[in-house]
Amino acid sequence: MGRGDLAFLLQVARPGLWTTTALFYLMPLGTSIGGRADLLGSARFWTGLLYILFPLSFLLYGVNDIVDAEADRGNPRKGTFLFGSLGRDEQLAALRWKIAAVQIPFLAAFYLW
């Protein structure tokens, strides 16, 4: 896997949108009065934040990139970390299995918790 493939996989997850995504995850903390310190020290909290930033974004936007591949080829904004990947056919064909592989450890952790 080359540098271009790693950039493609990161672009799929749209890291340019992670700030907004993290804010939605953190919003409920603004309304709770007590227990924030306990929450911020919780492995579950940080695992959940990590999950929504990469694996969940990778799943949601990856499916979008697979389904909209033809339309995306004409979009000049694609191929960036904000607007998403512009994958080659072979990258997009392998993407569904990579999406599934990224989900497995988190789904196992969530199930056990």
PDB file of N, CA and C in Angstrom:
ATOM      1  N   MET A   1       0.861  -1.177   0.000  1.00  0.00           N
ATOM      2  CA  MET A   1       0.000   0.000   0.000  1.00  0.00           C
ATOM      3  C   MET A   1       0.899   1.230   0.000  1.00  0.00           C
ATOM      4  N   GLY A   2       0.732   2.050  -1.014  1.00  0.00           N
ATOM      5  CA  GLY A   2       1.562   3.231  -1.161  1.00  0.00           C
ATOM      6  C   GLY A   2       0.984   4.452  -0.469  1.00  0.00           C
ATOM      7  N   ARG A   3       1.744   5.522  -0.540  1.00  0.00           N
ATOM      8  CA  ARG A   3       1.325   6.781   0.073  1.00  0.00           C
ATOM      9  C   ARG A   3       0.018   7.283  -0.532  1.00  0.00           C
ATOM     10  N   GLY A   4      -0.161   7.098  -1.834  1.00  0.00           N
ATOM     11  CA  GLY A   4      -1.393   7.511  -2.499  1.00  0.00           C
ATOM     12  C   GLY A   4      -2.603   6.744  -1.988  1.00  0.00           C
ATOM     13  N   ASP A   5      -2.399   5.457  -1.699  1.00  0.00           N
ATOM     14  CA  ASP A   5      -3.494   4.646  -1.158  1.00  0.00           C
ATOM     15  C   ASP A   5      -3.862   5.083   0.248  1.00  0.00           C
ATOM     16  N   LEU A   6      -2.863   5.412   1.067  1.00  0.00           N
ATOM     17  CA  LEU A   6      -3.144   5.892   2.428  1.00  0.00           C
ATOM     18  C   LEU A   6      -3.859   7.242   2.392  1.00  0.00           C
ATOM     19  N   ALA A   7      -3.433   8.115   1.498  1.00  0.00           N
ATOM     20  CA  ALA A   7      -4.107   9.413   1.359  1.00  0.00           C
ATOM     21  C   ALA A   7      -5.552   9.210   0.919  1.00  0.00           C
ATOM     22  N   PHE A   8      -5.767   8.275  -0.003  1.00  0.00           N
ATOM     23  CA  PHE A   8      -7.128   7.970  -0.447  1.00  0.00           C
ATOM     24  C   PHE A   8      -7.999   7.522   0.722  1.00  0.00           C
ATOM     25  N   LEU A   9      -7.489   6.590   1.538  1.00  0.00           N
ATOM     26  CA  LEU A   9      -8.270   6.070   2.663  1.00  0.00           C
ATOM     27  C   LEU A   9      -8.573   7.166   3.685  1.00  0.00           C
ATOM     28  N   LEU A  10      -7.630   8.040   3.921  1.00  0.00           N
ATOM     29  CA  LEU A  10      -7.873   9.147   4.847  1.00  0.00           C
ATOM     30  C   LEU A  10      -8.877  10.133   4.257  1.00  0.00           C
ATOM     31  N   GLN A  11      -8.768  10.409   2.972  1.00  0.00           N
ATOM     32  CA  GLN A  11      -9.726  11.311   2.322  1.00  0.00           C
ATOM     33  C   GLN A  11     -11.144  10.764   2.374  1.00  0.00           C
ATOM     34  N   VAL A  12     -11.287   9.440   2.320  1.00  0.00           N
ATOM     35  CA  VAL A  12     -12.613   8.834   2.407  1.00  0.00           C
ATOM     36  C   VAL A  12     -13.295   9.260   3.695  1.00  0.00           C
ATOM     37  N   ALA A  13     -12.549   9.321   4.802  1.00  0.00           N
ATOM     38  CA  ALA A  13     -13.119   9.645   6.114  1.00  0.00           C
ATOM     39  C   ALA A  13     -13.347  11.142   6.321  1.00  0.00           C
ATOM     40  N   ARG A  14     -12.977  11.984   5.364  1.00  0.00           N
ATOM     41  CA  ARG A  14     -13.228  13.428   5.417  1.00  0.00           C
ATOM     42  C   ARG A  14     -12.720  14.085   6.704  1.00  0.00           C
ATOM     43  N   PRO A  15     -11.403  14.043   6.974  1.00  0.00           N
ATOM     44  CA  PRO A  15     -10.901  14.657   8.205  1.00  0.00           C
ATOM     45  C   PRO A  15     -11.165  16.160   8.291  1.00  0.00           C
ATOM     46  N   GLY A  16     -11.442  16.797   7.192  1.00  0.00           N
ATOM     47  CA  GLY A  16     -11.802  18.210   7.222  1.00  0.00           C
ATOM     48  C   GLY A  16     -13.109  18.469   7.943  1.00  0.00           C
ATOM     49  N   LEU A  17     -13.915  17.436   8.135  1.00  0.00           N
ATOM     50  CA  LEU A  17     -15.197  17.565   8.842  1.00  0.00           C
ATOM     51  C   LEU A  17     -15.140  17.039  10.272  1.00  0.00           C
ATOM     52  N   TRP A  18     -13.992  16.569  10.721  1.00  0.00           N
ATOM     53  CA  TRP A  18     -13.898  15.954  12.035  1.00  0.00           C
ATOM     54  C   TRP A  18     -14.184  16.936  13.171  1.00  0.00           C
ATOM     55  N   THR A  19     -13.833  18.188  13.018  1.00  0.00           N
ATOM     56  CA  THR A  19     -14.107  19.165  14.071  1.00  0.00           C
ATOM     57  C   THR A  19     -15.604  19.262  14.321  1.00  0.00           C
ATOM     58  N   THR A  20     -16.374  19.374  13.257  1.00  0.00           N
ATOM     59  CA  THR A  20     -17.824  19.447  13.381  1.00  0.00           C
ATOM     60  C   THR A  20     -18.384  18.158  13.964  1.00  0.00           C
ATOM     61  N   THR A  21     -17.888  17.036  13.498  1.00  0.00           N
ATOM     62  CA  THR A  21     -18.341  15.743  13.996  1.00  0.00           C
ATOM     63  C   THR A  21     -18.062  15.617  15.491  1.00  0.00           C
ATOM     64  N   ALA A  22     -16.873  16.009  15.907  1.00  0.00           N
ATOM     65  CA  ALA A  22     -16.510  15.937  17.328  1.00  0.00           C
ATOM     66  C   ALA A  22     -17.399  16.852  18.164  1.00  0.00           C
ATOM     67  N   LEU A  23     -17.736  18.008  17.638  1.00  0.00           N
ATOM     68  CA  LEU A  23     -18.613  18.917  18.382  1.00  0.00           C
ATOM     69  C   LEU A  23     -19.988  18.308  18.612  1.00  0.00           C
ATOM     70  N   PHE A  24     -20.527  17.619  17.624  1.00  0.00           N
ATOM     71  CA  PHE A  24     -21.813  16.947  17.812  1.00  0.00           C
ATOM     72  C   PHE A  24     -21.705  15.853  18.870  1.00  0.00           C
ATOM     73  N   TYR A  25     -20.594  15.157  18.899  1.00  0.00           N
ATOM     74  CA  TYR A  25     -20.387  14.109  19.905  1.00  0.00           C
ATOM     75  C   TYR A  25     -20.266  14.721  21.302  1.00  0.00           C
ATOM     76  N   LEU A  26     -19.628  15.888  21.390  1.00  0.00           N
ATOM     77  CA  LEU A  26     -19.369  16.521  22.685  1.00  0.00           C
ATOM     78  C   LEU A  26     -20.519  17.381  23.189  1.00  0.00           C
ATOM     79  N   MET A  27     -21.472  17.716  22.355  1.00  0.00           N
ATOM     80  CA  MET A  27     -22.574  18.595  22.752  1.00  0.00           C
ATOM     81  C   MET A  27     -23.272  18.188  24.048  1.00  0.00           C
ATOM     82  N   PRO A  28     -23.586  16.920  24.247  1.00  0.00           N
ATOM     83  CA  PRO A  28     -24.271  16.565  25.502  1.00  0.00           C
ATOM     84  C   PRO A  28     -23.460  16.906  26.754  1.00  0.00           C
ATOM     85  N   LEU A  29     -22.149  17.029  26.644  1.00  0.00           N
ATOM     86  CA  LEU A  29     -21.343  17.396  27.808  1.00  0.00           C
ATOM     87  C   LEU A  29     -21.655  18.809  28.290  1.00  0.00           C
ATOM     88  N   GLY A  30     -22.073  19.672  27.401  1.00  0.00           N
ATOM     89  CA  GLY A  30     -22.379  21.042  27.768  1.00  0.00           C
ATOM     90  C   GLY A  30     -23.623  21.164  28.620  1.00  0.00           C
ATOM     91  N   THR A  31     -24.469  20.155  28.608  1.00  0.00           N
ATOM     92  CA  THR A  31     -25.713  20.239  29.366  1.00  0.00           C
ATOM     93  C   THR A  31     -25.665  19.458  30.676  1.00  0.00           C
ATOM     94  N   SER A  32     -24.637  18.648  30.865  1.00  0.00           N
ATOM     95  CA  SER A  32     -24.578  17.879  32.109  1.00  0.00           C
ATOM     96  C   SER A  32     -23.880  18.711  33.183  1.00  0.00           C
ATOM     97  N   ILE A  33     -24.370  18.607  34.406  1.00  0.00           N
ATOM     98  CA  ILE A  33     -23.819  19.388  35.498  1.00  0.00           C
ATOM     99  C   ILE A  33     -22.654  18.658  36.163  1.00  0.00           C
ATOM    100  N   GLY A  34     -22.834  17.404  36.475  1.00  0.00           N
ATOM    101  CA  GLY A  34     -21.785  16.672  37.175  1.00  0.00           C
ATOM    102  C   GLY A  34     -21.285  15.497  36.367  1.00  0.00           C
ATOM    103  N   GLY A  35     -20.163  14.961  36.795  1.00  0.00           N
ATOM    104  CA  GLY A  35     -19.668  13.734  36.188  1.00  0.00           C
ATOM    105  C   GLY A  35     -18.824  13.912  34.948  1.00  0.00           C
ATOM    106  N   ARG A  36     -18.532  15.149  34.557  1.00  0.00           N
ATOM    107  CA  ARG A  36     -17.722  15.341  33.348  1.00  0.00           C
ATOM    108  C   ARG A  36     -16.312  14.818  33.523  1.00  0.00           C
ATOM    109  N   ALA A  37     -15.736  15.031  34.688  1.00  0.00           N
ATOM    110  CA  ALA A  37     -14.372  14.561  34.931  1.00  0.00           C
ATOM    111  C   ALA A  37     -14.311  13.044  34.809  1.00  0.00           C
ATOM    112  N   ASP A  38     -15.324  12.360  35.345  1.00  0.00           N
ATOM    113  CA  ASP A  38     -15.355  10.908  35.227  1.00  0.00           C
ATOM    114  C   ASP A  38     -15.475  10.485  33.769  1.00  0.00           C
ATOM    115  N   LEU A  39     -16.278  11.209  33.038  1.00  0.00           N
ATOM    116  CA  LEU A  39     -16.486  10.881  31.635  1.00  0.00           C
ATOM    117  C   LEU A  39     -15.206  11.084  30.830  1.00  0.00           C
ATOM    118  N   LEU A  40     -14.518  12.178  31.051  1.00  0.00           N
ATOM    119  CA  LEU A  40     -13.294  12.464  30.299  1.00  0.00           C
ATOM    120  C   LEU A  40     -12.171  11.489  30.631  1.00  0.00           C
ATOM    121  N   GLY A  41     -12.266  10.816  31.746  1.00  0.00           N
ATOM    122  CA  GLY A  41     -11.286   9.803  32.114  1.00  0.00           C
ATOM    123  C   GLY A  41     -11.691   8.407  31.700  1.00  0.00           C
ATOM    124  N   SER A  42     -12.780   8.302  30.982  1.00  0.00           N
ATOM    125  CA  SER A  42     -13.336   7.007  30.611  1.00  0.00           C
ATOM    126  C   SER A  42     -12.811   6.531  29.251  1.00  0.00           C
ATOM    127  N   ALA A  43     -12.354   5.290  29.228  1.00  0.00           N
ATOM    128  CA  ALA A  43     -11.915   4.694  27.957  1.00  0.00           C
ATOM    129  C   ALA A  43     -13.080   4.593  26.988  1.00  0.00           C
ATOM    130  N   ARG A  44     -14.275   4.377  27.483  1.00  0.00           N
ATOM    131  CA  ARG A  44     -15.451   4.285  26.611  1.00  0.00           C
ATOM    132  C   ARG A  44     -15.708   5.602  25.901  1.00  0.00           C
ATOM    133  N   PHE A  45     -15.568   6.703  26.624  1.00  0.00           N
ATOM    134  CA  PHE A  45     -15.770   8.025  26.028  1.00  0.00           C
ATOM    135  C   PHE A  45     -14.789   8.252  24.879  1.00  0.00           C
ATOM    136  N   TRP A  46     -13.504   8.002  25.127  1.00  0.00           N
ATOM    137  CA  TRP A  46     -12.473   8.251  24.115  1.00  0.00           C
ATOM    138  C   TRP A  46     -12.572   7.262  22.958  1.00  0.00           C
ATOM    139  N   THR A  47     -12.969   6.032  23.237  1.00  0.00           N
ATOM    140  CA  THR A  47     -13.174   5.056  22.170  1.00  0.00           C
ATOM    141  C   THR A  47     -14.339   5.492  21.289  1.00  0.00           C
ATOM    142  N   GLY A  48     -15.406   5.989  21.912  1.00  0.00           N
ATOM    143  CA  GLY A  48     -16.544   6.491  21.148  1.00  0.00           C
ATOM    144  C   GLY A  48     -16.167   7.679  20.285  1.00  0.00           C
ATOM    145  N   LEU A  49     -15.390   8.599  20.838  1.00  0.00           N
ATOM    146  CA  LEU A  49     -14.949   9.762  20.056  1.00  0.00           C
ATOM    147  C   LEU A  49     -14.087   9.322  18.886  1.00  0.00           C
ATOM    148  N   LEU A  50     -13.142   8.437  19.149  1.00  0.00           N
ATOM    149  CA  LEU A  50     -12.297   7.920  18.070  1.00  0.00           C
ATOM    150  C   LEU A  50     -13.145   7.224  17.015  1.00  0.00           C
ATOM    151  N   TYR A  51     -14.141   6.454  17.460  1.00  0.00           N
ATOM    152  CA  TYR A  51     -14.993   5.729  16.517  1.00  0.00           C
ATOM    153  C   TYR A  51     -15.748   6.681  15.590  1.00  0.00           C
ATOM    154  N   ILE A  52     -16.332   7.721  16.129  1.00  0.00           N
ATOM    155  CA  ILE A  52     -17.106   8.603  15.250  1.00  0.00           C
ATOM    156  C   ILE A  52     -16.207   9.427  14.330  1.00  0.00           C
ATOM    157  N   LEU A  53     -14.977   9.673  14.750  1.00  0.00           N
ATOM    158  CA  LEU A  53     -14.084  10.452  13.887  1.00  0.00           C
ATOM    159  C   LEU A  53     -13.578   9.652  12.699  1.00  0.00           C
ATOM    160  N   PHE A  54     -13.141   8.418  12.911  1.00  0.00           N
ATOM    161  CA  PHE A  54     -12.635   7.684  11.754  1.00  0.00           C
ATOM    162  C   PHE A  54     -13.532   6.541  11.295  1.00  0.00           C
ATOM    163  N   PRO A  55     -13.747   5.487  12.079  1.00  0.00           N
ATOM    164  CA  PRO A  55     -14.493   4.358  11.525  1.00  0.00           C
ATOM    165  C   PRO A  55     -15.909   4.699  11.057  1.00  0.00           C
ATOM    166  N   LEU A  56     -16.643   5.496  11.835  1.00  0.00           N
ATOM    167  CA  LEU A  56     -18.008   5.832  11.408  1.00  0.00           C
ATOM    168  C   LEU A  56     -17.988   6.739  10.185  1.00  0.00           C
ATOM    169  N   SER A  57     -17.102   7.733  10.181  1.00  0.00           N
ATOM    170  CA  SER A  57     -16.973   8.592   9.000  1.00  0.00           C
ATOM    171  C   SER A  57     -16.526   7.781   7.791  1.00  0.00           C
ATOM    172  N   PHE A  58     -15.602   6.852   8.010  1.00  0.00           N
ATOM    173  CA  PHE A  58     -15.106   5.989   6.943  1.00  0.00           C
ATOM    174  C   PHE A  58     -16.242   5.164   6.353  1.00  0.00           C
ATOM    175  N   LEU A  59     -17.133   4.673   7.216  1.00  0.00           N
ATOM    176  CA  LEU A  59     -18.290   3.903   6.762  1.00  0.00           C
ATOM    177  C   LEU A  59     -19.264   4.776   5.973  1.00  0.00           C
ATOM    178  N   LEU A  60     -19.690   5.870   6.565  1.00  0.00           N
ATOM    179  CA  LEU A  60     -20.705   6.715   5.927  1.00  0.00           C
ATOM    180  C   LEU A  60     -20.213   7.327   4.621  1.00  0.00           C
ATOM    181  N   TYR A  61     -19.064   7.952   4.676  1.00  0.00           N
ATOM    182  CA  TYR A  61     -18.560   8.616   3.476  1.00  0.00           C
ATOM    183  C   TYR A  61     -18.003   7.622   2.465  1.00  0.00           C
ATOM    184  N   GLY A  62     -17.511   6.474   2.952  1.00  0.00           N
ATOM    185  CA  GLY A  62     -17.024   5.450   2.037  1.00  0.00           C
ATOM    186  C   GLY A  62     -18.136   4.882   1.173  1.00  0.00           C
ATOM    187  N   VAL A  63     -19.276   4.606   1.796  1.00  0.00           N
ATOM    188  CA  VAL A  63     -20.435   4.126   1.027  1.00  0.00           C
ATOM    189  C   VAL A  63     -20.842   5.195   0.011  1.00  0.00           C
ATOM    190  N   ASN A  64     -20.833   6.453   0.429  1.00  0.00           N
ATOM    191  CA  ASN A  64     -21.153   7.546  -0.490  1.00  0.00           C
ATOM    192  C   ASN A  64     -20.181   7.574  -1.665  1.00  0.00           C
ATOM    193  N   ASP A  65     -18.892   7.414  -1.381  1.00  0.00           N
ATOM    194  CA  ASP A  65     -17.891   7.447  -2.458  1.00  0.00           C
ATOM    195  C   ASP A  65     -18.060   6.279  -3.425  1.00  0.00           C
ATOM    196  N   ILE A  66     -18.440   5.121  -2.907  1.00  0.00           N
ATOM    197  CA  ILE A  66     -18.657   3.958  -3.775  1.00  0.00           C
ATOM    198  C   ILE A  66     -19.870   4.184  -4.672  1.00  0.00           C
ATOM    199  N   VAL A  67     -20.960   4.621  -4.079  1.00  0.00           N
ATOM    200  CA  VAL A  67     -22.218   4.789  -4.816  1.00  0.00           C
ATOM    201  C   VAL A  67     -22.143   5.950  -5.812  1.00  0.00           C
ATOM    202  N   ASP A  68     -21.491   7.026  -5.423  1.00  0.00           N
ATOM    203  CA  ASP A  68     -21.435   8.229  -6.266  1.00  0.00           C
ATOM    204  C   ASP A  68     -20.160   8.343  -7.093  1.00  0.00           C
ATOM    205  N   ALA A  69     -19.453   7.252  -7.287  1.00  0.00           N
ATOM    206  CA  ALA A  69     -18.151   7.292  -7.958  1.00  0.00           C
ATOM    207  C   ALA A  69     -18.222   7.960  -9.330  1.00  0.00           C
ATOM    208  N   GLU A  70     -19.208   7.621 -10.101  1.00  0.00           N
ATOM    209  CA  GLU A  70     -19.310   8.182 -11.459  1.00  0.00           C
ATOM    210  C   GLU A  70     -19.550   9.690 -11.419  1.00  0.00           C
ATOM    211  N   ALA A  71     -20.452  10.131 -10.576  1.00  0.00           N
ATOM    212  CA  ALA A  71     -20.731  11.568 -10.463  1.00  0.00           C
ATOM    213  C   ALA A  71     -19.535  12.314  -9.886  1.00  0.00           C
ATOM    214  N   ASP A  72     -18.801  11.680  -8.971  1.00  0.00           N
ATOM    215  CA  ASP A  72     -17.657  12.334  -8.331  1.00  0.00           C
ATOM    216  C   ASP A  72     -16.517  12.599  -9.306  1.00  0.00           C
ATOM    217  N   ARG A  73     -16.421  11.814 -10.366  1.00  0.00           N
ATOM    218  CA  ARG A  73     -15.324  12.001 -11.326  1.00  0.00           C
ATOM    219  C   ARG A  73     -15.358  13.385 -11.977  1.00  0.00           C
ATOM    220  N   GLY A  74     -16.529  13.975 -12.072  1.00  0.00           N
ATOM    221  CA  GLY A  74     -16.648  15.306 -12.653  1.00  0.00           C
ATOM    222  C   GLY A  74     -16.665  16.421 -11.632  1.00  0.00           C
ATOM    223  N   ASN A  75     -16.462  16.105 -10.364  1.00  0.00           N
ATOM    224  CA  ASN A  75     -16.514  17.101  -9.299  1.00  0.00           C
ATOM    225  C   ASN A  75     -15.100  17.611  -9.002  1.00  0.00           C
ATOM    226  N   PRO A  76     -14.810  18.867  -9.299  1.00  0.00           N
ATOM    227  CA  PRO A  76     -13.453  19.386  -9.093  1.00  0.00           C
ATOM    228  C   PRO A  76     -13.049  19.495  -7.622  1.00  0.00           C
ATOM    229  N   ARG A  77     -14.009  19.410  -6.708  1.00  0.00           N
ATOM    230  CA  ARG A  77     -13.682  19.503  -5.276  1.00  0.00           C
ATOM    231  C   ARG A  77     -13.233  18.173  -4.696  1.00  0.00           C
ATOM    232  N   LYS A  78     -13.481  17.081  -5.402  1.00  0.00           N
ATOM    233  CA  LYS A  78     -13.113  15.756  -4.898  1.00  0.00           C
ATOM    234  C   LYS A  78     -11.598  15.568  -4.940  1.00  0.00           C
ATOM    235  N   GLY A  79     -11.126  14.640  -4.118  1.00  0.00           N
ATOM    236  CA  GLY A  79      -9.694  14.390  -4.031  1.00  0.00           C
ATOM    237  C   GLY A  79      -9.038  15.250  -2.965  1.00  0.00           C
ATOM    238  N   THR A  80      -9.844  15.678  -1.971  1.00  0.00           N
ATOM    239  CA  THR A  80      -9.330  16.518  -0.889  1.00  0.00           C
ATOM    240  C   THR A  80      -9.736  15.919   0.456  1.00  0.00           C
ATOM    241  N   PHE A  81      -9.148  16.446   1.506  1.00  0.00           N
ATOM    242  CA  PHE A  81      -9.461  15.957   2.850  1.00  0.00           C
ATOM    243  C   PHE A  81     -10.748  16.564   3.398  1.00  0.00           C
ATOM    244  N   LEU A  82     -11.312  17.520   2.703  1.00  0.00           N
ATOM    245  CA  LEU A  82     -12.581  18.105   3.121  1.00  0.00           C
ATOM    246  C   LEU A  82     -13.748  17.522   2.328  1.00  0.00           C
ATOM    247  N   PHE A  83     -13.602  17.434   1.032  1.00  0.00           N
ATOM    248  CA  PHE A  83     -14.716  17.006   0.185  1.00  0.00           C
ATOM    249  C   PHE A  83     -14.648  15.537  -0.217  1.00  0.00           C
ATOM    250  N   GLY A  84     -13.619  14.835   0.200  1.00  0.00           N
ATOM    251  CA  GLY A  84     -13.581  13.397  -0.005  1.00  0.00           C
ATOM    252  C   GLY A  84     -12.711  12.924  -1.143  1.00  0.00           C
ATOM    253  N   SER A  85     -12.653  11.620  -1.228  1.00  0.00           N
ATOM    254  CA  SER A  85     -11.736  10.952  -2.148  1.00  0.00           C
ATOM    255  C   SER A  85     -12.219  10.979  -3.586  1.00  0.00           C
ATOM    256  N   LEU A  86     -11.265  10.801  -4.451  1.00  0.00           N
ATOM    257  CA  LEU A  86     -11.532  10.587  -5.869  1.00  0.00           C
ATOM    258  C   LEU A  86     -10.760   9.322  -6.232  1.00  0.00           C
ATOM    259  N   GLY A  87     -11.330   8.191  -5.848  1.00  0.00           N
ATOM    260  CA  GLY A  87     -10.622   6.929  -5.963  1.00  0.00           C
ATOM    261  C   GLY A  87     -10.642   6.328  -7.347  1.00  0.00           C
ATOM    262  N   ARG A  88      -9.585   5.568  -7.612  1.00  0.00           N
ATOM    263  CA  ARG A  88      -9.541   4.772  -8.837  1.00  0.00           C
ATOM    264  C   ARG A  88     -10.503   3.598  -8.674  1.00  0.00           C
ATOM    265  N   ASP A  89     -10.897   2.999  -9.764  1.00  0.00           N
ATOM    266  CA  ASP A  89     -11.853   1.884  -9.727  1.00  0.00           C
ATOM    267  C   ASP A  89     -11.402   0.763  -8.797  1.00  0.00           C
ATOM    268  N   GLU A  90     -10.105   0.411  -8.841  1.00  0.00           N
ATOM    269  CA  GLU A  90      -9.618  -0.680  -7.986  1.00  0.00           C
ATOM    270  C   GLU A  90      -9.611  -0.277  -6.511  1.00  0.00           C
ATOM    271  N   GLN A  91      -9.377   1.006  -6.212  1.00  0.00           N
ATOM    272  CA  GLN A  91      -9.449   1.472  -4.821  1.00  0.00           C
ATOM    273  C   GLN A  91     -10.882   1.405  -4.308  1.00  0.00           C
ATOM    274  N   LEU A  92     -11.812   1.837  -5.125  1.00  0.00           N
ATOM    275  CA  LEU A  92     -13.220   1.817  -4.720  1.00  0.00           C
ATOM    276  C   LEU A  92     -13.745   0.389  -4.587  1.00  0.00           C
ATOM    277  N   ALA A  93     -13.265  -0.512  -5.444  1.00  0.00           N
ATOM    278  CA  ALA A  93     -13.705  -1.909  -5.374  1.00  0.00           C
ATOM    279  C   ALA A  93     -13.249  -2.563  -4.072  1.00  0.00           C
ATOM    280  N   ALA A  94     -12.076  -2.214  -3.591  1.00  0.00           N
ATOM    281  CA  ALA A  94     -11.546  -2.794  -2.350  1.00  0.00           C
ATOM    282  C   ALA A  94     -12.050  -2.064  -1.109  1.00  0.00           C
ATOM    283  N   LEU A  95     -12.669  -0.921  -1.282  1.00  0.00           N
ATOM    284  CA  LEU A  95     -13.045  -0.078  -0.151  1.00  0.00           C
ATOM    285  C   LEU A  95     -14.051  -0.740   0.777  1.00  0.00           C
ATOM    286  N   ARG A  96     -15.020  -1.452   0.242  1.00  0.00           N
ATOM    287  CA  ARG A  96     -16.049  -2.054   1.107  1.00  0.00           C
ATOM    288  C   ARG A  96     -15.451  -3.017   2.120  1.00  0.00           C
ATOM    289  N   TRP A  97     -14.409  -3.741   1.738  1.00  0.00           N
ATOM    290  CA  TRP A  97     -13.780  -4.689   2.668  1.00  0.00           C
ATOM    291  C   TRP A  97     -12.939  -3.956   3.709  1.00  0.00           C
ATOM    292  N   LYS A  98     -12.357  -2.861   3.320  1.00  0.00           N
ATOM    293  CA  LYS A  98     -11.581  -2.059   4.273  1.00  0.00           C
ATOM    294  C   LYS A  98     -12.515  -1.381   5.278  1.00  0.00           C
ATOM    295  N   ILE A  99     -13.662  -0.950   4.806  1.00  0.00           N
ATOM    296  CA  ILE A  99     -14.665  -0.365   5.704  1.00  0.00           C
ATOM    297  C   ILE A  99     -15.081  -1.402   6.748  1.00  0.00           C
ATOM    298  N   ALA A 100     -15.368  -2.609   6.306  1.00  0.00           N
ATOM    299  CA  ALA A 100     -15.787  -3.672   7.221  1.00  0.00           C
ATOM    300  C   ALA A 100     -14.689  -4.000   8.224  1.00  0.00           C
ATOM    301  N   ALA A 101     -13.451  -4.071   7.770  1.00  0.00           N
ATOM    302  CA  ALA A 101     -12.328  -4.414   8.652  1.00  0.00           C
ATOM    303  C   ALA A 101     -12.132  -3.369   9.743  1.00  0.00           C
ATOM    304  N   VAL A 102     -12.333  -2.113   9.414  1.00  0.00           N
ATOM    305  CA  VAL A 102     -12.159  -1.037  10.401  1.00  0.00           C
ATOM    306  C   VAL A 102     -13.252  -1.082  11.460  1.00  0.00           C
ATOM    307  N   GLN A 103     -14.431  -1.557  11.105  1.00  0.00           N
ATOM    308  CA  GLN A 103     -15.559  -1.596  12.037  1.00  0.00           C
ATOM    309  C   GLN A 103     -15.413  -2.687  13.093  1.00  0.00           C
ATOM    310  N   ILE A 104     -14.814  -3.801  12.742  1.00  0.00           N
ATOM    311  CA  ILE A 104     -14.821  -4.999  13.580  1.00  0.00           C
ATOM    312  C   ILE A 104     -14.285  -4.773  14.997  1.00  0.00           C
ATOM    313  N   PRO A 105     -13.093  -4.176  15.181  1.00  0.00           N
ATOM    314  CA  PRO A 105     -12.620  -4.031  16.569  1.00  0.00           C
ATOM    315  C   PRO A 105     -13.520  -3.131  17.418  1.00  0.00           C
ATOM    316  N   PHE A 106     -14.092  -2.113  16.816  1.00  0.00           N
ATOM    317  CA  PHE A 106     -14.968  -1.211  17.563  1.00  0.00           C
ATOM    318  C   PHE A 106     -16.295  -1.891  17.895  1.00  0.00           C
ATOM    319  N   LEU A 107     -16.842  -2.617  16.952  1.00  0.00           N
ATOM    320  CA  LEU A 107     -18.081  -3.336  17.225  1.00  0.00           C
ATOM    321  C   LEU A 107     -17.878  -4.368  18.328  1.00  0.00           C
ATOM    322  N   ALA A 108     -16.722  -5.018  18.324  1.00  0.00           N
ATOM    323  CA  ALA A 108     -16.428  -5.985  19.390  1.00  0.00           C
ATOM    324  C   ALA A 108     -16.325  -5.285  20.745  1.00  0.00           C
ATOM    325  N   ALA A 109     -15.634  -4.151  20.787  1.00  0.00           N
ATOM    326  CA  ALA A 109     -15.513  -3.397  22.050  1.00  0.00           C
ATOM    327  C   ALA A 109     -16.871  -2.923  22.532  1.00  0.00           C
ATOM    328  N   PHE A 110     -17.688  -2.392  21.631  1.00  0.00           N
ATOM    329  CA  PHE A 110     -19.010  -1.898  22.022  1.00  0.00           C
ATOM    330  C   PHE A 110     -19.896  -3.047  22.506  1.00  0.00           C
ATOM    331  N   TYR A 111     -19.779  -4.185  21.874  1.00  0.00           N
ATOM    332  CA  TYR A 111     -20.567  -5.344  22.288  1.00  0.00           C
ATOM    333  C   TYR A 111     -20.164  -5.787  23.701  1.00  0.00           C
ATOM    334  N   LEU A 112     -18.865  -5.843  23.948  1.00  0.00           N
ATOM    335  CA  LEU A 112     -18.378  -6.272  25.259  1.00  0.00           C
ATOM    336  C   LEU A 112     -18.746  -5.281  26.343  1.00  0.00           C
ATOM    337  N   TRP A 113     -18.746  -3.990  26.032  1.00  0.00           N
ATOM    338  CA  TRP A 113     -19.125  -2.958  27.003  1.00  0.00           C
ATOM    339  C   TRP A 113     -20.620  -2.957  27.200  1.00  0.00           C
TER     340      TRP A 113
END
